[in-house]
């Protein structure tokens, strides 16, 4: 069971993500809709994982994650309806293109967690 912070500015998508994560046995510790709110929520709830919309109406999910990670690494998966290039993020970034299936989310979460294990072993 992971404590997950969902950073998503579309209420319907945020709710669906929260439902799927809960069905998978995780606890959604917060939902943030803006860059500033994402940073506050990450500090408040100290999530084990973040699911992050790369583009928010108010700010950027990419910028929020960069700031959050200054206090220590948290596994994260970027989701986006836009094509994201690896140039705009770190090479090990895990990106899930919207729309996606639940199985795709499960695989992306597993990859994010395995990347964290590799970081800890290095």
PDB file of N, CA and C in Angstrom:
ATOM      1  N   UNK A   1       0.843  -1.184   0.000  1.00  0.00           N
ATOM      2  CA  UNK A   1       0.000   0.000   0.000  1.00  0.00           C
ATOM      3  C   UNK A   1       0.881   1.237   0.000  1.00  0.00           C
ATOM      4  N   UNK A   2       0.633   2.130  -0.930  1.00  0.00           N
ATOM      5  CA  UNK A   2       1.386   3.372  -1.044  1.00  0.00           C
ATOM      6  C   UNK A   2       0.484   4.564  -0.731  1.00  0.00           C
ATOM      7  N   UNK A   3       1.088   5.608  -0.153  1.00  0.00           N
ATOM      8  CA  UNK A   3       0.391   6.895  -0.012  1.00  0.00           C
ATOM      9  C   UNK A   3       0.697   7.679  -1.287  1.00  0.00           C
ATOM     10  N   UNK A   4      -0.351   8.026  -2.031  1.00  0.00           N
ATOM     11  CA  UNK A   4      -0.175   8.627  -3.349  1.00  0.00           C
ATOM     12  C   UNK A   4      -0.741  10.043  -3.372  1.00  0.00           C
ATOM     13  N   UNK A   5       0.048  10.959  -3.920  1.00  0.00           N
ATOM     14  CA  UNK A   5      -0.409  12.319  -4.176  1.00  0.00           C
ATOM     15  C   UNK A   5      -0.743  12.401  -5.663  1.00  0.00           C
ATOM     16  N   UNK A   6      -1.973  12.791  -5.973  1.00  0.00           N
ATOM     17  CA  UNK A   6      -2.403  12.985  -7.355  1.00  0.00           C
ATOM     18  C   UNK A   6      -2.337  14.473  -7.650  1.00  0.00           C
ATOM     19  N   UNK A   7      -1.602  14.824  -8.694  1.00  0.00           N
ATOM     20  CA  UNK A   7      -1.488  16.220  -9.124  1.00  0.00           C
ATOM     21  C   UNK A   7      -2.132  16.294 -10.502  1.00  0.00           C
ATOM     22  N   UNK A   8      -3.354  16.790 -10.532  1.00  0.00           N
ATOM     23  CA  UNK A   8      -4.173  16.785 -11.754  1.00  0.00           C
ATOM     24  C   UNK A   8      -5.200  17.903 -11.665  1.00  0.00           C
ATOM     25  N   UNK A   9      -5.273  18.744 -12.702  1.00  0.00           N
ATOM     26  CA  UNK A   9      -6.184  19.886 -12.663  1.00  0.00           C
ATOM     27  C   UNK A   9      -7.561  19.612 -13.265  1.00  0.00           C
ATOM     28  N   UNK A  10      -7.764  18.457 -13.879  1.00  0.00           N
ATOM     29  CA  UNK A  10      -9.079  18.088 -14.398  1.00  0.00           C
ATOM     30  C   UNK A  10      -9.795  17.265 -13.325  1.00  0.00           C
ATOM     31  N   UNK A  11     -10.866  17.810 -12.723  1.00  0.00           N
ATOM     32  CA  UNK A  11     -11.534  17.113 -11.616  1.00  0.00           C
ATOM     33  C   UNK A  11     -11.972  15.680 -11.935  1.00  0.00           C
ATOM     34  N   UNK A  12     -12.495  15.446 -13.120  1.00  0.00           N
ATOM     35  CA  UNK A  12     -12.965  14.109 -13.473  1.00  0.00           C
ATOM     36  C   UNK A  12     -11.792  13.131 -13.537  1.00  0.00           C
ATOM     37  N   UNK A  13     -10.695  13.560 -14.145  1.00  0.00           N
ATOM     38  CA  UNK A  13      -9.519  12.685 -14.250  1.00  0.00           C
ATOM     39  C   UNK A  13      -8.927  12.438 -12.873  1.00  0.00           C
ATOM     40  N   UNK A  14      -8.862  13.487 -12.036  1.00  0.00           N
ATOM     41  CA  UNK A  14      -8.325  13.327 -10.685  1.00  0.00           C
ATOM     42  C   UNK A  14      -9.160  12.322  -9.890  1.00  0.00           C
ATOM     43  N   UNK A  15     -10.473  12.419 -10.011  1.00  0.00           N
ATOM     44  CA  UNK A  15     -11.370  11.503  -9.301  1.00  0.00           C
ATOM     45  C   UNK A  15     -11.203  10.076  -9.804  1.00  0.00           C
ATOM     46  N   UNK A  16     -11.129   9.911 -11.122  1.00  0.00           N
ATOM     47  CA  UNK A  16     -10.941   8.569 -11.685  1.00  0.00           C
ATOM     48  C   UNK A  16      -9.606   7.971 -11.249  1.00  0.00           C
ATOM     49  N   UNK A  17      -8.540   8.778 -11.287  1.00  0.00           N
ATOM     50  CA  UNK A  17      -7.238   8.291 -10.829  1.00  0.00           C
ATOM     51  C   UNK A  17      -7.303   7.864  -9.366  1.00  0.00           C
ATOM     52  N   UNK A  18      -7.935   8.690  -8.542  1.00  0.00           N
ATOM     53  CA  UNK A  18      -8.057   8.364  -7.113  1.00  0.00           C
ATOM     54  C   UNK A  18      -8.818   7.056  -6.920  1.00  0.00           C
ATOM     55  N   UNK A  19      -9.892   6.862  -7.682  1.00  0.00           N
ATOM     56  CA  UNK A  19     -10.669   5.626  -7.571  1.00  0.00           C
ATOM     57  C   UNK A  19      -9.848   4.408  -7.976  1.00  0.00           C
ATOM     58  N   UNK A  20      -9.133   4.519  -9.084  1.00  0.00           N
ATOM     59  CA  UNK A  20      -8.312   3.399  -9.557  1.00  0.00           C
ATOM     60  C   UNK A  20      -7.215   3.087  -8.548  1.00  0.00           C
ATOM     61  N   UNK A  21      -6.548   4.115  -8.050  1.00  0.00           N
ATOM     62  CA  UNK A  21      -5.478   3.899  -7.071  1.00  0.00           C
ATOM     63  C   UNK A  21      -6.007   3.238  -5.803  1.00  0.00           C
ATOM     64  N   UNK A  22      -7.177   3.666  -5.367  1.00  0.00           N
ATOM     65  CA  UNK A  22      -7.803   3.063  -4.188  1.00  0.00           C
ATOM     66  C   UNK A  22      -8.156   1.603  -4.453  1.00  0.00           C
ATOM     67  N   UNK A  23      -8.713   1.322  -5.622  1.00  0.00           N
ATOM     68  CA  UNK A  23      -9.040  -0.064  -5.988  1.00  0.00           C
ATOM     69  C   UNK A  23      -7.787  -0.937  -6.037  1.00  0.00           C
ATOM     70  N   UNK A  24      -6.641  -0.332  -6.367  1.00  0.00           N
ATOM     71  CA  UNK A  24      -5.381  -1.066  -6.411  1.00  0.00           C
ATOM     72  C   UNK A  24      -4.786  -1.269  -5.018  1.00  0.00           C
ATOM     73  N   UNK A  25      -5.454  -0.708  -4.000  1.00  0.00           N
ATOM     74  CA  UNK A  25      -4.999  -0.910  -2.627  1.00  0.00           C
ATOM     75  C   UNK A  25      -4.164   0.216  -2.054  1.00  0.00           C
ATOM     76  N   UNK A  26      -4.069   1.315  -2.777  1.00  0.00           N
ATOM     77  CA  UNK A  26      -3.286   2.453  -2.313  1.00  0.00           C
ATOM     78  C   UNK A  26      -4.183   3.469  -1.607  1.00  0.00           C
ATOM     79  N   UNK A  27      -3.563   4.391  -0.895  1.00  0.00           N
ATOM     80  CA  UNK A  27      -4.280   5.464  -0.210  1.00  0.00           C
ATOM     81  C   UNK A  27      -3.941   6.771  -0.911  1.00  0.00           C
ATOM     82  N   UNK A  28      -4.954   7.472  -1.370  1.00  0.00           N
ATOM     83  CA  UNK A  28      -4.726   8.785  -1.979  1.00  0.00           C
ATOM     84  C   UNK A  28      -4.669   9.791  -0.840  1.00  0.00           C
ATOM     85  N   UNK A  29      -3.474  10.298  -0.592  1.00  0.00           N
ATOM     86  CA  UNK A  29      -3.265  11.187   0.552  1.00  0.00           C
ATOM     87  C   UNK A  29      -3.582  12.640   0.227  1.00  0.00           C
ATOM     88  N   UNK A  30      -3.761  12.936  -1.051  1.00  0.00           N
ATOM     89  CA  UNK A  30      -4.117  14.289  -1.441  1.00  0.00           C
ATOM     90  C   UNK A  30      -4.293  14.400  -2.937  1.00  0.00           C
ATOM     91  N   UNK A  31      -5.054  15.419  -3.335  1.00  0.00           N
ATOM     92  CA  UNK A  31      -5.212  15.769  -4.744  1.00  0.00           C
ATOM     93  C   UNK A  31      -4.901  17.247  -4.855  1.00  0.00           C
ATOM     94  N   UNK A  32      -3.941  17.571  -5.706  1.00  0.00           N
ATOM     95  CA  UNK A  32      -3.551  18.967  -5.920  1.00  0.00           C
ATOM     96  C   UNK A  32      -3.894  19.344  -7.359  1.00  0.00           C
ATOM     97  N   UNK A  33      -4.350  20.595  -7.540  1.00  0.00           N
ATOM     98  CA  UNK A  33      -4.755  21.029  -8.872  1.00  0.00           C
ATOM     99  C   UNK A  33      -3.858  22.112  -9.464  1.00  0.00           C
ATOM    100  N   UNK A  34      -2.958  22.667  -8.661  1.00  0.00           N
ATOM    101  CA  UNK A  34      -2.053  23.709  -9.134  1.00  0.00           C
ATOM    102  C   UNK A  34      -0.619  23.366  -8.719  1.00  0.00           C
ATOM    103  N   UNK A  35       0.315  24.041  -9.330  1.00  0.00           N
ATOM    104  CA  UNK A  35       1.731  23.843  -8.981  1.00  0.00           C
ATOM    105  C   UNK A  35       1.973  24.155  -7.507  1.00  0.00           C
ATOM    106  N   UNK A  36       1.487  25.288  -7.041  1.00  0.00           N
ATOM    107  CA  UNK A  36       1.698  25.687  -5.642  1.00  0.00           C
ATOM    108  C   UNK A  36       1.044  24.709  -4.676  1.00  0.00           C
ATOM    109  N   UNK A  37      -0.161  24.273  -4.998  1.00  0.00           N
ATOM    110  CA  UNK A  37      -0.858  23.321  -4.146  1.00  0.00           C
ATOM    111  C   UNK A  37      -0.114  21.981  -4.111  1.00  0.00           C
ATOM    112  N   UNK A  38       0.445  21.566  -5.245  1.00  0.00           N
ATOM    113  CA  UNK A  38       1.200  20.311  -5.305  1.00  0.00           C
ATOM    114  C   UNK A  38       2.392  20.351  -4.358  1.00  0.00           C
ATOM    115  N   UNK A  39       3.099  21.452  -4.347  1.00  0.00           N
ATOM    116  CA  UNK A  39       4.270  21.594  -3.479  1.00  0.00           C
ATOM    117  C   UNK A  39       3.837  21.568  -2.017  1.00  0.00           C
ATOM    118  N   UNK A  40       2.771  22.280  -1.686  1.00  0.00           N
ATOM    119  CA  UNK A  40       2.262  22.278  -0.301  1.00  0.00           C
ATOM    120  C   UNK A  40       1.814  20.879   0.129  1.00  0.00           C
ATOM    121  N   UNK A  41       1.055  20.202  -0.733  1.00  0.00           N
ATOM    122  CA  UNK A  41       0.534  18.876  -0.399  1.00  0.00           C
ATOM    123  C   UNK A  41       1.659  17.856  -0.244  1.00  0.00           C
ATOM    124  N   UNK A  42       2.670  17.937  -1.085  1.00  0.00           N
ATOM    125  CA  UNK A  42       3.796  17.001  -0.975  1.00  0.00           C
ATOM    126  C   UNK A  42       4.528  17.195   0.348  1.00  0.00           C
ATOM    127  N   UNK A  43       4.664  18.425   0.781  1.00  0.00           N
ATOM    128  CA  UNK A  43       5.306  18.713   2.063  1.00  0.00           C
ATOM    129  C   UNK A  43       4.433  18.228   3.214  1.00  0.00           C
ATOM    130  N   UNK A  44       3.123  18.427   3.095  1.00  0.00           N
ATOM    131  CA  UNK A  44       2.193  18.055   4.148  1.00  0.00           C
ATOM    132  C   UNK A  44       2.052  16.539   4.293  1.00  0.00           C
ATOM    133  N   UNK A  45       1.848  15.839   3.188  1.00  0.00           N
ATOM    134  CA  UNK A  45       1.496  14.418   3.294  1.00  0.00           C
ATOM    135  C   UNK A  45       2.657  13.459   3.040  1.00  0.00           C
ATOM    136  N   UNK A  46       3.787  13.946   2.588  1.00  0.00           N
ATOM    137  CA  UNK A  46       4.958  13.088   2.366  1.00  0.00           C
ATOM    138  C   UNK A  46       4.570  11.786   1.654  1.00  0.00           C
ATOM    139  N   UNK A  47       4.154  11.885   0.379  1.00  0.00           N
ATOM    140  CA  UNK A  47       3.678  10.696  -0.327  1.00  0.00           C
ATOM    141  C   UNK A  47       4.804   9.714  -0.652  1.00  0.00           C
ATOM    142  N   UNK A  48       4.406   8.468  -0.893  1.00  0.00           N
ATOM    143  CA  UNK A  48       5.337   7.440  -1.351  1.00  0.00           C
ATOM    144  C   UNK A  48       5.457   7.459  -2.870  1.00  0.00           C
ATOM    145  N   UNK A  49       4.461   8.081  -3.528  1.00  0.00           N
ATOM    146  CA  UNK A  49       4.383   8.114  -4.986  1.00  0.00           C
ATOM    147  C   UNK A  49       3.563   9.323  -5.397  1.00  0.00           C
ATOM    148  N   UNK A  50       3.912   9.901  -6.539  1.00  0.00           N
ATOM    149  CA  UNK A  50       3.114  10.995  -7.099  1.00  0.00           C
ATOM    150  C   UNK A  50       2.714  10.640  -8.523  1.00  0.00           C
ATOM    151  N   UNK A  51       1.447  10.880  -8.853  1.00  0.00           N
ATOM    152  CA  UNK A  51       0.952  10.778 -10.224  1.00  0.00           C
ATOM    153  C   UNK A  51       0.710  12.219 -10.645  1.00  0.00           C
ATOM    154  N   UNK A  52       1.417  12.674 -11.685  1.00  0.00           N
ATOM    155  CA  UNK A  52       1.502  14.100 -11.980  1.00  0.00           C
ATOM    156  C   UNK A  52       1.107  14.425 -13.414  1.00  0.00           C
ATOM    157  N   UNK A  53       0.098  15.275 -13.561  1.00  0.00           N
ATOM    158  CA  UNK A  53      -0.216  15.837 -14.871  1.00  0.00           C
ATOM    159  C   UNK A  53       0.896  16.827 -15.189  1.00  0.00           C
ATOM    160  N   UNK A  54       1.546  16.638 -16.309  1.00  0.00           N
ATOM    161  CA  UNK A  54       2.700  17.475 -16.646  1.00  0.00           C
ATOM    162  C   UNK A  54       2.322  18.945 -16.860  1.00  0.00           C
ATOM    163  N   UNK A  55       1.126  19.170 -17.401  1.00  0.00           N
ATOM    164  CA  UNK A  55       0.691  20.550 -17.674  1.00  0.00           C
ATOM    165  C   UNK A  55      -0.549  20.862 -16.856  1.00  0.00           C
ATOM    166  N   UNK A  56      -0.412  21.863 -16.019  1.00  0.00           N
ATOM    167  CA  UNK A  56      -1.535  22.298 -15.185  1.00  0.00           C
ATOM    168  C   UNK A  56      -2.004  23.662 -15.675  1.00  0.00           C
ATOM    169  N   UNK A  57      -3.247  24.006 -15.395  1.00  0.00           N
ATOM    170  CA  UNK A  57      -3.744  25.333 -15.786  1.00  0.00           C
ATOM    171  C   UNK A  57      -2.992  26.425 -15.045  1.00  0.00           C
ATOM    172  N   UNK A  58      -2.681  26.166 -13.770  1.00  0.00           N
ATOM    173  CA  UNK A  58      -1.942  27.139 -12.963  1.00  0.00           C
ATOM    174  C   UNK A  58      -0.599  26.542 -12.606  1.00  0.00           C
ATOM    175  N   UNK A  59       0.385  26.796 -13.443  1.00  0.00           N
ATOM    176  CA  UNK A  59       1.727  26.296 -13.206  1.00  0.00           C
ATOM    177  C   UNK A  59       2.003  25.043 -14.000  1.00  0.00           C
ATOM    178  N   UNK A  60       3.042  24.351 -13.582  1.00  0.00           N
ATOM    179  CA  UNK A  60       3.508  23.180 -14.305  1.00  0.00           C
ATOM    180  C   UNK A  60       3.738  22.018 -13.347  1.00  0.00           C
ATOM    181  N   UNK A  61       3.263  20.849 -13.737  1.00  0.00           N
ATOM    182  CA  UNK A  61       3.554  19.661 -12.960  1.00  0.00           C
ATOM    183  C   UNK A  61       5.040  19.347 -12.968  1.00  0.00           C
ATOM    184  N   UNK A  62       5.696  19.621 -14.088  1.00  0.00           N
ATOM    185  CA  UNK A  62       7.143  19.387 -14.200  1.00  0.00           C
ATOM    186  C   UNK A  62       7.906  20.256 -13.203  1.00  0.00           C
ATOM    187  N   UNK A  63       7.539  21.526 -13.130  1.00  0.00           N
ATOM    188  CA  UNK A  63       8.207  22.447 -12.204  1.00  0.00           C
ATOM    189  C   UNK A  63       7.903  22.075 -10.758  1.00  0.00           C
ATOM    190  N   UNK A  64       6.668  21.684 -10.487  1.00  0.00           N
ATOM    191  CA  UNK A  64       6.288  21.278  -9.127  1.00  0.00           C
ATOM    192  C   UNK A  64       7.138  20.093  -8.685  1.00  0.00           C
ATOM    193  N   UNK A  65       7.266  19.087  -9.535  1.00  0.00           N
ATOM    194  CA  UNK A  65       8.057  17.902  -9.181  1.00  0.00           C
ATOM    195  C   UNK A  65       9.512  18.282  -8.957  1.00  0.00           C
ATOM    196  N   UNK A  66      10.063  19.124  -9.817  1.00  0.00           N
ATOM    197  CA  UNK A  66      11.457  19.538  -9.641  1.00  0.00           C
ATOM    198  C   UNK A  66      11.660  20.170  -8.263  1.00  0.00           C
ATOM    199  N   UNK A  67      10.727  21.010  -7.847  1.00  0.00           N
ATOM    200  CA  UNK A  67      10.854  21.655  -6.538  1.00  0.00           C
ATOM    201  C   UNK A  67      10.642  20.655  -5.400  1.00  0.00           C
ATOM    202  N   UNK A  68       9.672  19.779  -5.542  1.00  0.00           N
ATOM    203  CA  UNK A  68       9.399  18.781  -4.509  1.00  0.00           C
ATOM    204  C   UNK A  68      10.618  17.875  -4.314  1.00  0.00           C
ATOM    205  N   UNK A  69      11.272  17.499  -5.408  1.00  0.00           N
ATOM    206  CA  UNK A  69      12.402  16.579  -5.325  1.00  0.00           C
ATOM    207  C   UNK A  69      13.647  17.205  -4.695  1.00  0.00           C
ATOM    208  N   UNK A  70      13.666  18.515  -4.544  1.00  0.00           N
ATOM    209  CA  UNK A  70      14.784  19.166  -3.856  1.00  0.00           C
ATOM    210  C   UNK A  70      14.880  18.704  -2.407  1.00  0.00           C
ATOM    211  N   UNK A  71      13.763  18.279  -1.822  1.00  0.00           N
ATOM    212  CA  UNK A  71      13.747  17.798  -0.434  1.00  0.00           C
ATOM    213  C   UNK A  71      13.947  16.295  -0.330  1.00  0.00           C
ATOM    214  N   UNK A  72      14.193  15.620  -1.442  1.00  0.00           N
ATOM    215  CA  UNK A  72      14.402  14.183  -1.454  1.00  0.00           C
ATOM    216  C   UNK A  72      13.564  13.536  -2.538  1.00  0.00           C
ATOM    217  N   UNK A  73      14.065  12.439  -3.042  1.00  0.00           N
ATOM    218  CA  UNK A  73      13.411  11.789  -4.171  1.00  0.00           C
ATOM    219  C   UNK A  73      12.108  11.110  -3.753  1.00  0.00           C
ATOM    220  N   UNK A  74      11.086  11.295  -4.570  1.00  0.00           N
ATOM    221  CA  UNK A  74       9.800  10.605  -4.429  1.00  0.00           C
ATOM    222  C   UNK A  74       9.492  10.019  -5.804  1.00  0.00           C
ATOM    223  N   UNK A  75       9.224   8.729  -5.877  1.00  0.00           N
ATOM    224  CA  UNK A  75       8.870   8.152  -7.173  1.00  0.00           C
ATOM    225  C   UNK A  75       7.659   8.882  -7.759  1.00  0.00           C
ATOM    226  N   UNK A  76       7.666   9.043  -9.067  1.00  0.00           N
ATOM    227  CA  UNK A  76       6.574   9.764  -9.705  1.00  0.00           C
ATOM    228  C   UNK A  76       6.379   9.280 -11.132  1.00  0.00           C
ATOM    229  N   UNK A  77       5.147   9.443 -11.601  1.00  0.00           N
ATOM    230  CA  UNK A  77       4.766   9.115 -12.966  1.00  0.00           C
ATOM    231  C   UNK A  77       4.104  10.358 -13.535  1.00  0.00           C
ATOM    232  N   UNK A  78       4.608  10.817 -14.666  1.00  0.00           N
ATOM    233  CA  UNK A  78       3.970  11.936 -15.354  1.00  0.00           C
ATOM    234  C   UNK A  78       2.899  11.389 -16.284  1.00  0.00           C
ATOM    235  N   UNK A  79       1.744  12.035 -16.301  1.00  0.00           N
ATOM    236  CA  UNK A  79       0.691  11.706 -17.253  1.00  0.00           C
ATOM    237  C   UNK A  79       0.388  12.968 -18.048  1.00  0.00           C
ATOM    238  N   UNK A  80       0.115  12.779 -19.330  1.00  0.00           N
ATOM    239  CA  UNK A  80      -0.160  13.944 -20.153  1.00  0.00           C
ATOM    240  C   UNK A  80      -0.958  13.562 -21.385  1.00  0.00           C
ATOM    241  N   UNK A  81      -1.815  14.472 -21.801  1.00  0.00           N
ATOM    242  CA  UNK A  81      -2.528  14.321 -23.061  1.00  0.00           C
ATOM    243  C   UNK A  81      -1.691  14.836 -24.209  1.00  0.00           C
ATOM    244  N   UNK A  82      -0.634  15.574 -23.893  1.00  0.00           N
ATOM    245  CA  UNK A  82       0.280  16.105 -24.902  1.00  0.00           C
ATOM    246  C   UNK A  82       1.472  15.164 -25.042  1.00  0.00           C
ATOM    247  N   UNK A  83       2.090  15.213 -26.180  1.00  0.00           N
ATOM    248  CA  UNK A  83       3.328  14.451 -26.370  1.00  0.00           C
ATOM    249  C   UNK A  83       4.431  15.188 -25.619  1.00  0.00           C
ATOM    250  N   UNK A  84       5.022  14.518 -24.663  1.00  0.00           N
ATOM    251  CA  UNK A  84       6.127  15.102 -23.916  1.00  0.00           C
ATOM    252  C   UNK A  84       7.427  14.566 -24.468  1.00  0.00           C
ATOM    253  N   UNK A  85       8.402  15.447 -24.570  1.00  0.00           N
ATOM    254  CA  UNK A  85       9.709  14.995 -25.032  1.00  0.00           C
ATOM    255  C   UNK A  85      10.614  14.794 -23.836  1.00  0.00           C
ATOM    256  N   UNK A  86      11.506  13.878 -23.963  1.00  0.00           N
ATOM    257  CA  UNK A  86      12.463  13.617 -22.889  1.00  0.00           C
ATOM    258  C   UNK A  86      13.380  14.825 -22.677  1.00  0.00           C
ATOM    259  N   UNK A  87      13.435  15.740 -23.650  1.00  0.00           N
ATOM    260  CA  UNK A  87      14.259  16.948 -23.500  1.00  0.00           C
ATOM    261  C   UNK A  87      13.736  17.842 -22.385  1.00  0.00           C
ATOM    262  N   UNK A  88      12.429  17.777 -22.125  1.00  0.00           N
ATOM    263  CA  UNK A  88      11.835  18.657 -21.120  1.00  0.00           C
ATOM    264  C   UNK A  88      11.882  18.058 -19.720  1.00  0.00           C
ATOM    265  N   UNK A  89      12.458  16.857 -19.588  1.00  0.00           N
ATOM    266  CA  UNK A  89      12.519  16.205 -18.281  1.00  0.00           C
ATOM    267  C   UNK A  89      13.734  15.298 -18.222  1.00  0.00           C
ATOM    268  N   UNK A  90      13.944  14.703 -17.083  1.00  0.00           N
ATOM    269  CA  UNK A  90      15.098  13.830 -16.918  1.00  0.00           C
ATOM    270  C   UNK A  90      14.936  12.571 -17.769  1.00  0.00           C
ATOM    271  N   UNK A  91      16.048  11.977 -18.181  1.00  0.00           N
ATOM    272  CA  UNK A  91      15.978  10.806 -19.050  1.00  0.00           C
ATOM    273  C   UNK A  91      15.258   9.610 -18.416  1.00  0.00           C
ATOM    274  N   UNK A  92      15.299   9.512 -17.090  1.00  0.00           N
ATOM    275  CA  UNK A  92      14.644   8.372 -16.440  1.00  0.00           C
ATOM    276  C   UNK A  92      13.177   8.632 -16.114  1.00  0.00           C
ATOM    277  N   UNK A  93      12.658   9.775 -16.544  1.00  0.00           N
ATOM    278  CA  UNK A  93      11.255  10.107 -16.272  1.00  0.00           C
ATOM    279  C   UNK A  93      10.329   9.057 -16.872  1.00  0.00           C
ATOM    280  N   UNK A  94       9.296   8.734 -16.120  1.00  0.00           N
ATOM    281  CA  UNK A  94       8.296   7.780 -16.579  1.00  0.00           C
ATOM    282  C   UNK A  94       7.072   8.576 -17.003  1.00  0.00           C
ATOM    283  N   UNK A  95       6.702   8.433 -18.261  1.00  0.00           N
ATOM    284  CA  UNK A  95       5.618   9.212 -18.840  1.00  0.00           C
ATOM    285  C   UNK A  95       4.546   8.272 -19.352  1.00  0.00           C
ATOM    286  N   UNK A  96       3.325   8.555 -18.963  1.00  0.00           N
ATOM    287  CA  UNK A  96       2.168   7.783 -19.387  1.00  0.00           C
ATOM    288  C   UNK A  96       1.283   8.699 -20.226  1.00  0.00           C
ATOM    289  N   UNK A  97       1.087   8.320 -21.473  1.00  0.00           N
ATOM    290  CA  UNK A  97       0.306   9.135 -22.399  1.00  0.00           C
ATOM    291  C   UNK A  97      -1.181   8.901 -22.179  1.00  0.00           C
ATOM    292  N   UNK A  98      -1.961   9.996 -21.989  1.00  0.00           N
ATOM    293  CA  UNK A  98      -3.416   9.887 -21.888  1.00  0.00           C
ATOM    294  C   UNK A  98      -3.986   9.681 -23.279  1.00  0.00           C
ATOM    295  N   UNK A  99      -5.016   8.927 -23.460  1.00  0.00           N
ATOM    296  CA  UNK A  99      -5.682   8.078 -22.475  1.00  0.00           C
ATOM    297  C   UNK A  99      -4.879   6.796 -22.270  1.00  0.00           C
ATOM    298  N   UNK A 100      -5.039   6.199 -21.109  1.00  0.00           N
ATOM    299  CA  UNK A 100      -4.327   4.959 -20.808  1.00  0.00           C
ATOM    300  C   UNK A 100      -5.258   4.007 -20.072  1.00  0.00           C
ATOM    301  N   UNK A 101      -4.860   2.759 -20.043  1.00  0.00           N
ATOM    302  CA  UNK A 101      -5.620   1.714 -19.363  1.00  0.00           C
ATOM    303  C   UNK A 101      -5.068   1.524 -17.950  1.00  0.00           C
ATOM    304  N   UNK A 102      -5.858   0.918 -17.080  1.00  0.00           N
ATOM    305  CA  UNK A 102      -5.416   0.653 -15.717  1.00  0.00           C
ATOM    306  C   UNK A 102      -4.111  -0.150 -15.703  1.00  0.00           C
ATOM    307  N   UNK A 103      -3.998  -1.132 -16.592  1.00  0.00           N
ATOM    308  CA  UNK A 103      -2.778  -1.954 -16.653  1.00  0.00           C
ATOM    309  C   UNK A 103      -1.554  -1.107 -16.985  1.00  0.00           C
ATOM    310  N   UNK A 104      -1.734  -0.082 -17.821  1.00  0.00           N
ATOM    311  CA  UNK A 104      -0.624   0.822 -18.148  1.00  0.00           C
ATOM    312  C   UNK A 104      -0.177   1.588 -16.908  1.00  0.00           C
ATOM    313  N   UNK A 105      -1.144   2.034 -16.114  1.00  0.00           N
ATOM    314  CA  UNK A 105      -0.827   2.749 -14.878  1.00  0.00           C
ATOM    315  C   UNK A 105      -0.087   1.835 -13.908  1.00  0.00           C
ATOM    316  N   UNK A 106      -0.553   0.598 -13.781  1.00  0.00           N
ATOM    317  CA  UNK A 106       0.096  -0.359 -12.885  1.00  0.00           C
ATOM    318  C   UNK A 106       1.555  -0.568 -13.306  1.00  0.00           C
ATOM    319  N   UNK A 107       1.791  -0.745 -14.607  1.00  0.00           N
ATOM    320  CA  UNK A 107       3.169  -0.926 -15.105  1.00  0.00           C
ATOM    321  C   UNK A 107       4.016   0.313 -14.856  1.00  0.00           C
ATOM    322  N   UNK A 108       3.447   1.496 -15.070  1.00  0.00           N
ATOM    323  CA  UNK A 108       4.197   2.736 -14.863  1.00  0.00           C
ATOM    324  C   UNK A 108       4.568   2.904 -13.392  1.00  0.00           C
ATOM    325  N   UNK A 109       3.653   2.564 -12.493  1.00  0.00           N
ATOM    326  CA  UNK A 109       3.941   2.643 -11.058  1.00  0.00           C
ATOM    327  C   UNK A 109       5.071   1.670 -10.710  1.00  0.00           C
ATOM    328  N   UNK A 110       5.004   0.456 -11.240  1.00  0.00           N
ATOM    329  CA  UNK A 110       6.052  -0.537 -10.975  1.00  0.00           C
ATOM    330  C   UNK A 110       7.405  -0.043 -11.474  1.00  0.00           C
ATOM    331  N   UNK A 111       7.428   0.577 -12.652  1.00  0.00           N
ATOM    332  CA  UNK A 111       8.689   1.135 -13.177  1.00  0.00           C
ATOM    333  C   UNK A 111       9.214   2.245 -12.281  1.00  0.00           C
ATOM    334  N   UNK A 112       8.320   3.129 -11.819  1.00  0.00           N
ATOM    335  CA  UNK A 112       8.746   4.230 -10.949  1.00  0.00           C
ATOM    336  C   UNK A 112       9.335   3.695  -9.654  1.00  0.00           C
ATOM    337  N   UNK A 113       8.723   2.672  -9.101  1.00  0.00           N
ATOM    338  CA  UNK A 113       9.224   2.095  -7.852  1.00  0.00           C
ATOM    339  C   UNK A 113      10.544   1.371  -8.071  1.00  0.00           C
ATOM    340  N   UNK A 114      10.697   0.700  -9.212  1.00  0.00           N
ATOM    341  CA  UNK A 114      11.964   0.010  -9.475  1.00  0.00           C
ATOM    342  C   UNK A 114      13.084   1.013  -9.721  1.00  0.00           C
ATOM    343  N   UNK A 115      12.772   2.157 -10.340  1.00  0.00           N
ATOM    344  CA  UNK A 115      13.781   3.214 -10.522  1.00  0.00           C
ATOM    345  C   UNK A 115      14.263   3.715  -9.155  1.00  0.00           C
ATOM    346  N   UNK A 116      13.348   3.804  -8.206  1.00  0.00           N
ATOM    347  CA  UNK A 116      13.702   4.250  -6.858  1.00  0.00           C
ATOM    348  C   UNK A 116      14.644   3.253  -6.202  1.00  0.00           C
ATOM    349  N   UNK A 117      14.370   1.970  -6.348  1.00  0.00           N
ATOM    350  CA  UNK A 117      15.244   0.945  -5.782  1.00  0.00           C
ATOM    351  C   UNK A 117      16.635   1.033  -6.389  1.00  0.00           C
ATOM    352  N   UNK A 118      16.705   1.268  -7.701  1.00  0.00           N
ATOM    353  CA  UNK A 118      18.003   1.409  -8.355  1.00  0.00           C
ATOM    354  C   UNK A 118      18.758   2.623  -7.824  1.00  0.00           C
ATOM    355  N   UNK A 119      18.055   3.718  -7.587  1.00  0.00           N
ATOM    356  CA  UNK A 119      18.680   4.917  -7.027  1.00  0.00           C
ATOM    357  C   UNK A 119      19.247   4.646  -5.643  1.00  0.00           C
ATOM    358  N   UNK A 120      18.508   3.887  -4.850  1.00  0.00           N
ATOM    359  CA  UNK A 120      18.932   3.600  -3.472  1.00  0.00           C
ATOM    360  C   UNK A 120      20.143   2.681  -3.448  1.00  0.00           C
ATOM    361  N   UNK A 121      20.276   1.792  -4.443  1.00  0.00           N
ATOM    362  CA  UNK A 121      21.397   0.875  -4.493  1.00  0.00           C
ATOM    363  C   UNK A 121      22.660   1.542  -5.015  1.00  0.00           C
ATOM    364  N   UNK A 122      22.504   2.629  -5.757  1.00  0.00           N
ATOM    365  CA  UNK A 122      23.659   3.315  -6.360  1.00  0.00           C
ATOM    366  C   UNK A 122      24.448   4.111  -5.346  1.00  0.00           C
TER     367      UNK A 122
END
